[in-house]
Amino acid sequence: MSSGLRYFHSLAIAGLFASSAANATEIDFSREIRPLLSDKCYSCHGPDAKSLKGELRLDLWEVATSAAKSGAVAIVPGNTAESELVSE
């Protein structure tokens, strides 16, 4: 993965894991994170079954935060170190 794409992933996920206590607002996945993922990730990890890679859908919170067959979890809320999306 290119360093630019890796930076984008890190930036998007950092926003996802931002502490709501620090700014007194909740992060809204559908409004704030999903559009970022849609622009950069959905071509391979979105709703189109024909182009889906690795059986990972990032458009569905329940799937993105669940363990894959390998045991890896793309997004671990509150834990960027354990989130595969950040490590990629």
N, C-alpha and C. Protein backbone atom coordinates (compact mmCIF):
# COMPACT_ATOMS: atom_id res chain seq x y z
N MET A 1 0.84 -1.17 0.00
CA MET A 1 0.00 0.00 0.00
C MET A 1 0.89 1.24 0.00
N SER A 2 0.47 2.23 -0.74
CA SER A 2 1.28 3.45 -0.83
C SER A 2 1.25 4.20 0.49
N SER A 3 2.26 5.01 0.71
CA SER A 3 2.32 5.77 1.96
C SER A 3 1.17 6.78 2.05
N GLY A 4 0.75 7.32 0.91
CA GLY A 4 -0.38 8.26 0.92
C GLY A 4 -1.67 7.59 1.35
N LEU A 5 -1.92 6.38 0.84
CA LEU A 5 -3.11 5.64 1.21
C LEU A 5 -3.04 5.20 2.67
N ARG A 6 -1.85 4.80 3.11
CA ARG A 6 -1.66 4.42 4.51
C ARG A 6 -1.94 5.62 5.41
N TYR A 7 -1.48 6.80 5.01
CA TYR A 7 -1.73 8.02 5.78
C TYR A 7 -3.23 8.29 5.85
N PHE A 8 -3.92 8.15 4.72
CA PHE A 8 -5.37 8.37 4.70
C PHE A 8 -6.07 7.41 5.66
N HIS A 9 -5.70 6.14 5.59
CA HIS A 9 -6.32 5.16 6.49
C HIS A 9 -6.11 5.56 7.94
N SER A 10 -4.89 5.93 8.26
CA SER A 10 -4.58 6.33 9.64
C SER A 10 -5.39 7.55 10.05
N LEU A 11 -5.51 8.51 9.15
CA LEU A 11 -6.26 9.72 9.44
C LEU A 11 -7.74 9.42 9.64
N ALA A 12 -8.31 8.60 8.77
CA ALA A 12 -9.72 8.25 8.88
C ALA A 12 -10.01 7.50 10.16
N ILE A 13 -9.16 6.56 10.48
CA ILE A 13 -9.38 5.77 11.68
C ILE A 13 -9.10 6.58 12.94
N ALA A 14 -8.14 7.48 12.88
CA ALA A 14 -7.89 8.34 14.04
C ALA A 14 -9.16 9.14 14.36
N GLY A 15 -9.82 9.62 13.34
CA GLY A 15 -11.09 10.32 13.55
C GLY A 15 -12.14 9.41 14.15
N LEU A 16 -12.14 8.17 13.70
CA LEU A 16 -13.10 7.20 14.21
C LEU A 16 -12.90 6.93 15.68
N PHE A 17 -11.66 6.90 16.12
CA PHE A 17 -11.34 6.55 17.49
C PHE A 17 -11.16 7.76 18.39
N ALA A 18 -11.40 8.93 17.87
CA ALA A 18 -11.22 10.14 18.69
C ALA A 18 -12.07 10.05 19.95
N SER A 19 -11.52 10.50 21.02
CA SER A 19 -12.22 10.41 22.30
C SER A 19 -13.40 11.36 22.34
N SER A 20 -14.56 10.81 22.58
CA SER A 20 -15.75 11.67 22.68
C SER A 20 -15.70 12.48 23.97
N ALA A 21 -15.00 11.99 24.97
CA ALA A 21 -14.89 12.73 26.22
C ALA A 21 -14.09 14.01 26.03
N ALA A 22 -13.10 13.97 25.16
CA ALA A 22 -12.25 15.13 24.96
C ALA A 22 -12.99 16.28 24.30
N ASN A 23 -13.91 15.96 23.40
CA ASN A 23 -14.60 17.05 22.70
C ASN A 23 -16.11 17.06 22.96
N ALA A 24 -16.59 16.21 23.83
CA ALA A 24 -17.99 16.16 24.26
C ALA A 24 -18.96 15.90 23.12
N THR A 25 -18.50 15.34 22.02
CA THR A 25 -19.41 14.96 20.94
C THR A 25 -19.09 13.53 20.51
N GLU A 26 -20.11 12.84 20.08
CA GLU A 26 -19.95 11.49 19.59
C GLU A 26 -19.55 11.52 18.11
N ILE A 27 -18.73 10.56 17.71
CA ILE A 27 -18.40 10.41 16.30
C ILE A 27 -19.54 9.64 15.66
N ASP A 28 -20.11 10.17 14.60
CA ASP A 28 -21.20 9.51 13.90
C ASP A 28 -20.61 8.78 12.70
N PHE A 29 -20.55 7.46 12.77
CA PHE A 29 -19.96 6.64 11.71
C PHE A 29 -20.58 6.94 10.36
N SER A 30 -21.91 6.95 10.30
CA SER A 30 -22.60 7.16 9.02
C SER A 30 -22.34 8.53 8.42
N ARG A 31 -22.25 9.54 9.25
CA ARG A 31 -22.09 10.90 8.76
C ARG A 31 -20.62 11.31 8.58
N GLU A 32 -19.74 10.86 9.46
CA GLU A 32 -18.37 11.36 9.45
C GLU A 32 -17.33 10.39 8.89
N ILE A 33 -17.52 9.12 9.11
CA ILE A 33 -16.51 8.14 8.69
C ILE A 33 -16.89 7.45 7.39
N ARG A 34 -18.13 7.03 7.27
CA ARG A 34 -18.55 6.31 6.07
C ARG A 34 -18.23 7.08 4.78
N PRO A 35 -18.42 8.41 4.70
CA PRO A 35 -18.07 9.12 3.46
C PRO A 35 -16.58 9.01 3.12
N LEU A 36 -15.70 9.02 4.12
CA LEU A 36 -14.26 8.87 3.87
C LEU A 36 -13.96 7.48 3.31
N LEU A 37 -14.53 6.48 3.93
CA LEU A 37 -14.33 5.12 3.46
C LEU A 37 -14.93 4.92 2.08
N SER A 38 -16.06 5.56 1.84
CA SER A 38 -16.71 5.46 0.53
C SER A 38 -15.81 5.99 -0.58
N ASP A 39 -15.16 7.10 -0.33
CA ASP A 39 -14.29 7.70 -1.34
C ASP A 39 -13.04 6.87 -1.63
N LYS A 40 -12.50 6.23 -0.61
CA LYS A 40 -11.20 5.58 -0.75
C LYS A 40 -11.22 4.06 -0.68
N CYS A 41 -12.24 3.46 -0.07
CA CYS A 41 -12.17 2.03 0.23
C CYS A 41 -13.28 1.18 -0.38
N TYR A 42 -14.41 1.78 -0.67
CA TYR A 42 -15.57 0.98 -1.08
C TYR A 42 -15.42 0.30 -2.43
N SER A 43 -14.51 0.75 -3.27
CA SER A 43 -14.36 0.08 -4.56
C SER A 43 -13.96 -1.38 -4.37
N CYS A 44 -13.27 -1.68 -3.28
CA CYS A 44 -12.88 -3.07 -2.97
C CYS A 44 -13.58 -3.62 -1.72
N HIS A 45 -14.06 -2.74 -0.85
CA HIS A 45 -14.62 -3.18 0.43
C HIS A 45 -15.98 -2.54 0.69
N GLY A 46 -16.79 -2.42 -0.36
CA GLY A 46 -18.11 -1.83 -0.23
C GLY A 46 -19.20 -2.82 -0.59
N PRO A 47 -20.37 -2.31 -0.95
CA PRO A 47 -21.53 -3.16 -1.16
C PRO A 47 -21.54 -4.01 -2.43
N ASP A 48 -20.66 -3.74 -3.39
CA ASP A 48 -20.66 -4.49 -4.64
C ASP A 48 -20.00 -5.86 -4.46
N ALA A 49 -20.80 -6.91 -4.45
CA ALA A 49 -20.30 -8.27 -4.20
C ALA A 49 -19.29 -8.71 -5.25
N LYS A 50 -19.39 -8.21 -6.47
CA LYS A 50 -18.48 -8.61 -7.55
C LYS A 50 -17.05 -8.10 -7.33
N SER A 51 -16.91 -6.96 -6.68
CA SER A 51 -15.57 -6.39 -6.49
C SER A 51 -15.06 -6.53 -5.05
N LEU A 52 -15.82 -7.22 -4.20
CA LEU A 52 -15.45 -7.36 -2.79
C LEU A 52 -14.16 -8.15 -2.63
N LYS A 53 -13.24 -7.61 -1.86
CA LYS A 53 -11.95 -8.27 -1.59
C LYS A 53 -11.90 -8.69 -0.12
N GLY A 54 -11.45 -9.90 0.09
CA GLY A 54 -11.23 -10.39 1.45
C GLY A 54 -12.49 -10.51 2.30
N GLU A 55 -13.65 -10.51 1.67
CA GLU A 55 -14.92 -10.60 2.39
C GLU A 55 -15.09 -9.51 3.45
N LEU A 56 -14.37 -8.40 3.26
CA LEU A 56 -14.44 -7.29 4.22
C LEU A 56 -15.29 -6.17 3.65
N ARG A 57 -16.39 -5.87 4.33
CA ARG A 57 -17.23 -4.74 3.96
C ARG A 57 -17.06 -3.66 5.00
N LEU A 58 -16.61 -2.51 4.56
CA LEU A 58 -16.42 -1.38 5.46
C LEU A 58 -17.63 -0.46 5.51
N ASP A 59 -18.63 -0.74 4.68
CA ASP A 59 -19.84 0.08 4.68
C ASP A 59 -20.82 -0.36 5.77
N LEU A 60 -20.57 -1.51 6.37
CA LEU A 60 -21.44 -2.02 7.42
C LEU A 60 -20.67 -2.07 8.74
N TRP A 61 -21.06 -1.24 9.68
CA TRP A 61 -20.38 -1.14 10.96
C TRP A 61 -20.24 -2.51 11.63
N GLU A 62 -21.30 -3.29 11.58
CA GLU A 62 -21.30 -4.60 12.24
C GLU A 62 -20.24 -5.52 11.64
N VAL A 63 -20.03 -5.45 10.34
CA VAL A 63 -19.03 -6.29 9.68
C VAL A 63 -17.63 -5.74 9.91
N ALA A 64 -17.47 -4.44 9.77
CA ALA A 64 -16.15 -3.81 9.93
C ALA A 64 -15.59 -3.97 11.33
N THR A 65 -16.47 -4.17 12.32
CA THR A 65 -16.02 -4.30 13.70
C THR A 65 -16.11 -5.74 14.22
N SER A 66 -16.35 -6.68 13.32
CA SER A 66 -16.42 -8.10 13.69
C SER A 66 -15.16 -8.82 13.23
N ALA A 67 -14.85 -9.91 13.88
CA ALA A 67 -13.68 -10.70 13.52
C ALA A 67 -13.90 -11.43 12.20
N ALA A 68 -12.88 -11.39 11.35
CA ALA A 68 -12.90 -12.14 10.09
C ALA A 68 -12.58 -13.60 10.40
N LYS A 69 -12.61 -14.45 9.37
CA LYS A 69 -12.25 -15.86 9.54
C LYS A 69 -10.86 -16.00 10.15
N SER A 70 -9.98 -15.08 9.81
CA SER A 70 -8.60 -15.12 10.32
C SER A 70 -8.51 -14.70 11.79
N GLY A 71 -9.58 -14.09 12.29
CA GLY A 71 -9.59 -13.58 13.65
C GLY A 71 -9.27 -12.10 13.73
N ALA A 72 -8.77 -11.53 12.63
CA ALA A 72 -8.44 -10.11 12.59
C ALA A 72 -9.72 -9.28 12.55
N VAL A 73 -9.64 -8.09 13.14
CA VAL A 73 -10.78 -7.16 13.14
C VAL A 73 -10.32 -5.88 12.47
N ALA A 74 -11.05 -5.45 11.44
CA ALA A 74 -10.66 -4.25 10.70
C ALA A 74 -10.68 -3.02 11.59
N ILE A 75 -11.76 -2.82 12.32
CA ILE A 75 -11.90 -1.66 13.18
C ILE A 75 -12.25 -2.14 14.58
N VAL A 76 -11.38 -1.86 15.53
CA VAL A 76 -11.64 -2.15 16.94
C VAL A 76 -11.90 -0.81 17.61
N PRO A 77 -13.17 -0.50 17.88
CA PRO A 77 -13.49 0.80 18.47
C PRO A 77 -12.68 1.07 19.74
N GLY A 78 -12.04 2.23 19.77
CA GLY A 78 -11.27 2.64 20.92
C GLY A 78 -9.87 2.04 21.01
N ASN A 79 -9.45 1.28 19.98
CA ASN A 79 -8.15 0.63 20.06
C ASN A 79 -7.49 0.58 18.67
N THR A 80 -6.81 1.64 18.31
CA THR A 80 -6.16 1.68 17.00
C THR A 80 -5.06 0.65 16.86
N ALA A 81 -4.40 0.29 17.95
CA ALA A 81 -3.31 -0.68 17.90
C ALA A 81 -3.81 -2.06 17.47
N GLU A 82 -5.04 -2.39 17.80
CA GLU A 82 -5.61 -3.69 17.45
C GLU A 82 -6.41 -3.66 16.15
N SER A 83 -6.57 -2.50 15.53
CA SER A 83 -7.37 -2.35 14.32
C SER A 83 -6.53 -2.62 13.08
N GLU A 84 -6.89 -3.65 12.34
CA GLU A 84 -6.15 -4.02 11.14
C GLU A 84 -6.16 -2.91 10.10
N LEU A 85 -7.22 -2.16 10.00
CA LEU A 85 -7.30 -1.08 9.01
C LEU A 85 -6.20 -0.05 9.22
N VAL A 86 -5.85 0.20 10.45
CA VAL A 86 -4.78 1.16 10.74
C VAL A 86 -3.43 0.55 10.41
N SER A 87 -3.25 -0.73 10.68
CA SER A 87 -1.96 -1.37 10.42
C SER A 87 -1.71 -1.54 8.93
N GLU A 88 -2.75 -1.58 8.13
CA GLU A 88 -2.60 -1.71 6.69
C GLU A 88 -2.19 -0.39 6.11
